[in-house]
Each structure stands twice: as structure tokens, then as C-alpha cells.
Amino acid sequence: MRKTVLGELEELVLLVVAASQEDAYGVTVCEQLEAETGRSFSISAVHTTLYRLEEKGFLSSQVGGATAERGGRRKRLFALTPAGGRILLDIQQTRLRLWQAIPQSKLQLLGLA
């Protein structure tokens, strides 16, 4: 069985949804991504990523209630699935193993330790 590989934006979006205290939807995910990374993201790229992660089984979604502030339109709310949690844990463990594999002397030489 092939292991799923996530791109950087997919990983960041999953992390934002996982860390979200409130309902996660496109605009709030985009705002949080920009606040945490200091980078700019288009809302369409975030929406595309949310839907792709849902197709992969890492997120689930449901349609929320209509609000006056959105002109009666309803929000699609996203939540992390158990599979999404597992892939985030796998990524974290892989990164940790790789960081631990860097010799301390090399980190010191680079001014990182």
C-alpha cells in the first residue's frame, strides 16, 4: 500500500483545522494560515485544499446554518477525521526523527544549536 504524501499547504491546512477552537471554514482557515506563516494565501487555494483533504478522508465537512452577515448563505464547516489526525502524527514523528538525525556538531557549525 502506498503511503500518502501531503504537500506543504495541505499539511498547514490540516494543522490549522486541527488547532481550531471554533468551526473551521475557508475564510477562518485562510486568516489563521496567514497569521501563523506571515504569508499570503488565496481563498480559492485554501478552498481547493480543504476539498482535496476531504476527498482523501483527512477532513469531514457539514453545511452550517445561514447567517445574515453572509447574505443568507451557509458556511461549509470542516473537522479533522481520525485519519487526518493519524497522518499529522506520522508527519510529526517523521520530522522529529529527521531533526534528531542531524549531528549536533553540524547544527553548531550552522549556528542552529
N, C-alpha and C. Protein backbone atom coordinates (compact mmCIF):
# COMPACT_ATOMS: atom_id res chain seq x y z
N MET A 1 0.84 -1.18 0.00
CA MET A 1 0.00 0.00 0.00
C MET A 1 0.88 1.24 0.00
N ARG A 2 0.57 2.18 -0.88
CA ARG A 2 1.34 3.42 -0.98
C ARG A 2 1.03 4.35 0.17
N LYS A 3 2.06 5.00 0.66
CA LYS A 3 1.88 5.96 1.74
C LYS A 3 1.45 7.29 1.15
N THR A 4 0.50 7.95 1.79
CA THR A 4 0.02 9.24 1.33
C THR A 4 1.04 10.31 1.67
N VAL A 5 1.32 11.15 0.69
CA VAL A 5 2.23 12.26 0.87
C VAL A 5 1.41 13.54 0.77
N LEU A 6 1.62 14.44 1.72
CA LEU A 6 0.91 15.71 1.70
C LEU A 6 1.86 16.82 1.29
N GLY A 7 1.33 17.78 0.54
CA GLY A 7 2.09 18.97 0.22
C GLY A 7 2.11 19.91 1.42
N GLU A 8 2.93 20.94 1.33
CA GLU A 8 3.07 21.87 2.45
C GLU A 8 1.75 22.54 2.81
N LEU A 9 1.01 23.02 1.80
CA LEU A 9 -0.25 23.70 2.08
C LEU A 9 -1.26 22.72 2.69
N GLU A 10 -1.29 21.49 2.21
CA GLU A 10 -2.19 20.50 2.79
C GLU A 10 -1.87 20.27 4.26
N GLU A 11 -0.60 20.14 4.57
CA GLU A 11 -0.19 19.93 5.97
C GLU A 11 -0.57 21.14 6.83
N LEU A 12 -0.30 22.33 6.34
CA LEU A 12 -0.64 23.54 7.10
C LEU A 12 -2.14 23.66 7.33
N VAL A 13 -2.93 23.38 6.30
CA VAL A 13 -4.39 23.47 6.43
C VAL A 13 -4.88 22.44 7.45
N LEU A 14 -4.36 21.22 7.38
CA LEU A 14 -4.75 20.20 8.36
C LEU A 14 -4.41 20.65 9.79
N LEU A 15 -3.24 21.23 9.95
CA LEU A 15 -2.83 21.70 11.28
C LEU A 15 -3.74 22.81 11.78
N VAL A 16 -4.11 23.74 10.90
CA VAL A 16 -4.99 24.84 11.30
C VAL A 16 -6.36 24.30 11.69
N VAL A 17 -6.91 23.37 10.91
CA VAL A 17 -8.21 22.79 11.25
C VAL A 17 -8.12 22.04 12.57
N ALA A 18 -7.04 21.28 12.76
CA ALA A 18 -6.87 20.52 14.00
C ALA A 18 -6.78 21.44 15.21
N ALA A 19 -6.13 22.59 15.06
CA ALA A 19 -5.92 23.51 16.17
C ALA A 19 -7.09 24.45 16.39
N SER A 20 -8.04 24.44 15.48
CA SER A 20 -9.16 25.38 15.53
C SER A 20 -10.05 25.15 16.74
N GLN A 21 -10.28 26.20 17.51
CA GLN A 21 -11.18 26.15 18.67
C GLN A 21 -12.64 26.27 18.24
N GLU A 22 -12.86 26.93 17.10
CA GLU A 22 -14.21 27.16 16.58
C GLU A 22 -14.39 26.33 15.33
N ASP A 23 -15.55 26.48 14.72
CA ASP A 23 -15.79 25.80 13.45
C ASP A 23 -14.80 26.33 12.40
N ALA A 24 -14.17 25.42 11.69
CA ALA A 24 -13.20 25.80 10.67
C ALA A 24 -13.89 25.88 9.32
N TYR A 25 -13.79 27.04 8.70
CA TYR A 25 -14.29 27.18 7.33
C TYR A 25 -13.28 27.98 6.55
N GLY A 26 -13.45 28.05 5.25
CA GLY A 26 -12.44 28.61 4.35
C GLY A 26 -11.82 29.92 4.80
N VAL A 27 -12.63 30.91 5.14
CA VAL A 27 -12.11 32.23 5.49
C VAL A 27 -11.29 32.17 6.76
N THR A 28 -11.79 31.50 7.79
CA THR A 28 -11.04 31.45 9.05
C THR A 28 -9.75 30.66 8.90
N VAL A 29 -9.78 29.60 8.10
CA VAL A 29 -8.56 28.82 7.85
C VAL A 29 -7.54 29.70 7.13
N CYS A 30 -7.97 30.44 6.13
CA CYS A 30 -7.08 31.32 5.37
C CYS A 30 -6.48 32.39 6.28
N GLU A 31 -7.30 33.00 7.11
CA GLU A 31 -6.82 34.04 8.04
C GLU A 31 -5.79 33.46 9.02
N GLN A 32 -6.06 32.28 9.54
CA GLN A 32 -5.14 31.67 10.50
C GLN A 32 -3.83 31.28 9.82
N LEU A 33 -3.92 30.76 8.60
CA LEU A 33 -2.70 30.42 7.85
C LEU A 33 -1.82 31.65 7.68
N GLU A 34 -2.44 32.75 7.29
CA GLU A 34 -1.68 33.98 7.07
C GLU A 34 -1.09 34.51 8.38
N ALA A 35 -1.86 34.42 9.47
CA ALA A 35 -1.37 34.89 10.77
C ALA A 35 -0.19 34.05 11.26
N GLU A 36 -0.25 32.75 11.06
CA GLU A 36 0.78 31.85 11.57
C GLU A 36 2.04 31.81 10.70
N THR A 37 1.88 31.99 9.40
CA THR A 37 3.03 31.85 8.50
C THR A 37 3.59 33.19 8.02
N GLY A 38 2.79 34.26 8.12
CA GLY A 38 3.23 35.55 7.60
C GLY A 38 3.21 35.59 6.08
N ARG A 39 2.55 34.62 5.48
CA ARG A 39 2.45 34.55 4.02
C ARG A 39 1.01 34.80 3.60
N SER A 40 0.83 35.13 2.34
CA SER A 40 -0.50 35.38 1.79
C SER A 40 -0.98 34.15 1.03
N PHE A 41 -2.25 33.80 1.24
CA PHE A 41 -2.85 32.65 0.55
C PHE A 41 -4.15 33.10 -0.09
N SER A 42 -4.43 32.63 -1.28
CA SER A 42 -5.71 32.96 -1.91
C SER A 42 -6.79 32.06 -1.30
N ILE A 43 -7.97 32.61 -1.16
CA ILE A 43 -9.08 31.84 -0.59
C ILE A 43 -9.42 30.65 -1.47
N SER A 44 -9.24 30.81 -2.78
CA SER A 44 -9.55 29.68 -3.68
C SER A 44 -8.55 28.53 -3.48
N ALA A 45 -7.29 28.84 -3.21
CA ALA A 45 -6.30 27.79 -2.95
C ALA A 45 -6.64 27.06 -1.65
N VAL A 46 -7.09 27.81 -0.65
CA VAL A 46 -7.47 27.20 0.63
C VAL A 46 -8.70 26.31 0.45
N HIS A 47 -9.71 26.82 -0.27
CA HIS A 47 -10.91 26.00 -0.51
C HIS A 47 -10.57 24.72 -1.27
N THR A 48 -9.76 24.84 -2.30
CA THR A 48 -9.36 23.67 -3.08
C THR A 48 -8.66 22.65 -2.19
N THR A 49 -7.80 23.14 -1.31
CA THR A 49 -7.06 22.26 -0.41
C THR A 49 -8.00 21.59 0.59
N LEU A 50 -8.94 22.35 1.14
CA LEU A 50 -9.91 21.77 2.08
C LEU A 50 -10.69 20.64 1.42
N TYR A 51 -11.17 20.87 0.20
CA TYR A 51 -11.95 19.83 -0.50
C TYR A 51 -11.09 18.63 -0.86
N ARG A 52 -9.82 18.88 -1.25
CA ARG A 52 -8.92 17.77 -1.58
C ARG A 52 -8.65 16.92 -0.34
N LEU A 53 -8.45 17.57 0.81
CA LEU A 53 -8.22 16.83 2.05
C LEU A 53 -9.46 16.04 2.47
N GLU A 54 -10.62 16.58 2.16
CA GLU A 54 -11.86 15.84 2.44
C GLU A 54 -11.95 14.61 1.54
N GLU A 55 -11.60 14.76 0.26
CA GLU A 55 -11.62 13.63 -0.67
C GLU A 55 -10.65 12.53 -0.22
N LYS A 56 -9.53 12.93 0.37
CA LYS A 56 -8.54 11.96 0.85
C LYS A 56 -8.95 11.33 2.18
N GLY A 57 -10.01 11.84 2.80
CA GLY A 57 -10.51 11.28 4.05
C GLY A 57 -9.89 11.88 5.30
N PHE A 58 -9.13 12.97 5.17
CA PHE A 58 -8.47 13.58 6.32
C PHE A 58 -9.32 14.65 6.99
N LEU A 59 -10.33 15.14 6.29
CA LEU A 59 -11.28 16.10 6.84
C LEU A 59 -12.69 15.63 6.51
N SER A 60 -13.63 16.04 7.34
CA SER A 60 -15.05 15.85 7.03
C SER A 60 -15.66 17.24 7.04
N SER A 61 -16.83 17.36 6.43
CA SER A 61 -17.47 18.68 6.43
C SER A 61 -18.98 18.53 6.54
N GLN A 62 -19.56 19.62 6.97
CA GLN A 62 -21.02 19.71 7.02
C GLN A 62 -21.38 21.17 6.74
N VAL A 63 -22.59 21.38 6.29
CA VAL A 63 -23.04 22.74 5.99
C VAL A 63 -23.68 23.31 7.24
N GLY A 64 -23.21 24.50 7.64
CA GLY A 64 -23.75 25.18 8.81
C GLY A 64 -24.99 25.98 8.45
N GLY A 65 -25.54 26.65 9.43
CA GLY A 65 -26.73 27.46 9.22
C GLY A 65 -26.45 28.73 8.44
N ALA A 66 -27.48 29.26 7.82
CA ALA A 66 -27.36 30.51 7.08
C ALA A 66 -27.27 31.67 8.06
N THR A 67 -26.47 32.68 7.70
CA THR A 67 -26.33 33.85 8.55
C THR A 67 -26.63 35.11 7.75
N ALA A 68 -27.16 36.11 8.44
CA ALA A 68 -27.48 37.39 7.79
C ALA A 68 -26.21 38.07 7.29
N GLU A 69 -25.12 37.95 8.07
CA GLU A 69 -23.88 38.60 7.69
C GLU A 69 -23.30 38.04 6.39
N ARG A 70 -23.71 36.85 6.01
CA ARG A 70 -23.27 36.25 4.74
C ARG A 70 -24.37 36.31 3.69
N GLY A 71 -25.34 37.17 3.89
CA GLY A 71 -26.41 37.31 2.91
C GLY A 71 -27.28 36.07 2.80
N GLY A 72 -27.41 35.34 3.90
CA GLY A 72 -28.24 34.14 3.90
C GLY A 72 -27.53 32.90 3.41
N ARG A 73 -26.27 33.05 3.02
CA ARG A 73 -25.52 31.87 2.54
C ARG A 73 -25.02 31.07 3.74
N ARG A 74 -24.87 29.78 3.50
CA ARG A 74 -24.42 28.87 4.57
C ARG A 74 -22.94 28.58 4.41
N LYS A 75 -22.26 28.33 5.52
CA LYS A 75 -20.82 28.01 5.53
C LYS A 75 -20.64 26.49 5.51
N ARG A 76 -19.58 26.06 4.82
CA ARG A 76 -19.18 24.65 4.91
C ARG A 76 -18.14 24.56 6.00
N LEU A 77 -18.43 23.79 7.05
CA LEU A 77 -17.58 23.68 8.23
C LEU A 77 -16.78 22.39 8.16
N PHE A 78 -15.49 22.48 8.44
CA PHE A 78 -14.60 21.34 8.33
C PHE A 78 -14.09 20.88 9.69
N ALA A 79 -13.89 19.57 9.82
CA ALA A 79 -13.36 18.97 11.04
C ALA A 79 -12.34 17.90 10.67
N LEU A 80 -11.37 17.71 11.53
CA LEU A 80 -10.35 16.69 11.34
C LEU A 80 -10.96 15.31 11.58
N THR A 81 -10.63 14.35 10.74
CA THR A 81 -11.06 12.96 10.94
C THR A 81 -9.96 12.19 11.67
N PRO A 82 -10.27 11.00 12.17
CA PRO A 82 -9.20 10.18 12.77
C PRO A 82 -8.04 9.93 11.80
N ALA A 83 -8.34 9.72 10.53
CA ALA A 83 -7.27 9.52 9.53
C ALA A 83 -6.43 10.78 9.39
N GLY A 84 -7.06 11.94 9.47
CA GLY A 84 -6.32 13.20 9.43
C GLY A 84 -5.41 13.36 10.62
N GLY A 85 -5.89 12.97 11.79
CA GLY A 85 -5.07 13.02 12.99
C GLY A 85 -3.88 12.09 12.89
N ARG A 86 -4.11 10.90 12.34
CA ARG A 86 -3.02 9.93 12.20
C ARG A 86 -1.94 10.42 11.24
N ILE A 87 -2.37 11.03 10.11
CA ILE A 87 -1.37 11.50 9.14
C ILE A 87 -0.57 12.65 9.73
N LEU A 88 -1.20 13.51 10.53
CA LEU A 88 -0.47 14.60 11.18
C LEU A 88 0.55 14.04 12.17
N LEU A 89 0.15 13.02 12.92
CA LEU A 89 1.07 12.40 13.87
C LEU A 89 2.24 11.74 13.14
N ASP A 90 1.96 11.06 12.03
CA ASP A 90 3.02 10.45 11.21
C ASP A 90 4.01 11.51 10.72
N ILE A 91 3.49 12.63 10.24
CA ILE A 91 4.34 13.71 9.74
C ILE A 91 5.21 14.25 10.88
N GLN A 92 4.60 14.48 12.03
CA GLN A 92 5.34 15.00 13.18
C GLN A 92 6.47 14.04 13.57
N GLN A 93 6.18 12.75 13.63
CA GLN A 93 7.19 11.77 14.02
C GLN A 93 8.31 11.68 13.00
N THR A 94 7.97 11.75 11.72
CA THR A 94 8.99 11.71 10.67
C THR A 94 9.91 12.92 10.77
N ARG A 95 9.33 14.10 10.95
CA ARG A 95 10.14 15.31 11.07
C ARG A 95 11.03 15.25 12.31
N LEU A 96 10.51 14.76 13.40
CA LEU A 96 11.29 14.65 14.63
C LEU A 96 12.47 13.70 14.43
N ARG A 97 12.23 12.54 13.78
CA ARG A 97 13.32 11.60 13.53
C ARG A 97 14.40 12.24 12.66
N LEU A 98 13.99 12.99 11.65
CA LEU A 98 14.95 13.64 10.77
C LEU A 98 15.76 14.71 11.51
N TRP A 99 15.09 15.51 12.34
CA TRP A 99 15.80 16.52 13.13
C TRP A 99 16.79 15.86 14.07
N GLN A 100 16.38 14.77 14.69
CA GLN A 100 17.26 14.08 15.64
C GLN A 100 18.45 13.42 14.94
N ALA A 101 18.32 13.17 13.65
CA ALA A 101 19.40 12.55 12.89
C ALA A 101 20.50 13.54 12.52
N ILE A 102 20.24 14.82 12.63
CA ILE A 102 21.25 15.83 12.31
C ILE A 102 22.28 15.86 13.44
N PRO A 103 23.56 15.67 13.10
CA PRO A 103 24.58 15.69 14.15
C PRO A 103 24.62 17.06 14.85
N GLN A 104 24.78 17.02 16.16
CA GLN A 104 24.84 18.25 16.97
C GLN A 104 25.96 19.17 16.48
N SER A 105 27.07 18.56 16.08
CA SER A 105 28.21 19.35 15.60
C SER A 105 27.85 20.16 14.34
N LYS A 106 27.03 19.56 13.49
CA LYS A 106 26.61 20.27 12.27
C LYS A 106 25.66 21.41 12.62
N LEU A 107 24.76 21.18 13.56
CA LEU A 107 23.86 22.25 13.99
C LEU A 107 24.65 23.42 14.59
N GLN A 108 25.67 23.09 15.39
CA GLN A 108 26.50 24.14 16.00
C GLN A 108 27.26 24.91 14.93
N LEU A 109 27.80 24.21 13.96
CA LEU A 109 28.52 24.85 12.88
C LEU A 109 27.66 25.82 12.10
N LEU A 110 26.37 25.47 11.98
CA LEU A 110 25.42 26.31 11.25
C LEU A 110 24.82 27.39 12.14
N GLY A 111 25.18 27.37 13.41
CA GLY A 111 24.64 28.35 14.34
C GLY A 111 23.19 28.07 14.74
N LEU A 112 22.79 26.80 14.66
CA LEU A 112 21.41 26.42 14.97
C LEU A 112 21.27 25.76 16.34
N ALA A 113 22.38 25.60 17.04
CA ALA A 113 22.31 24.96 18.37
C ALA A 113 23.06 25.77 19.39
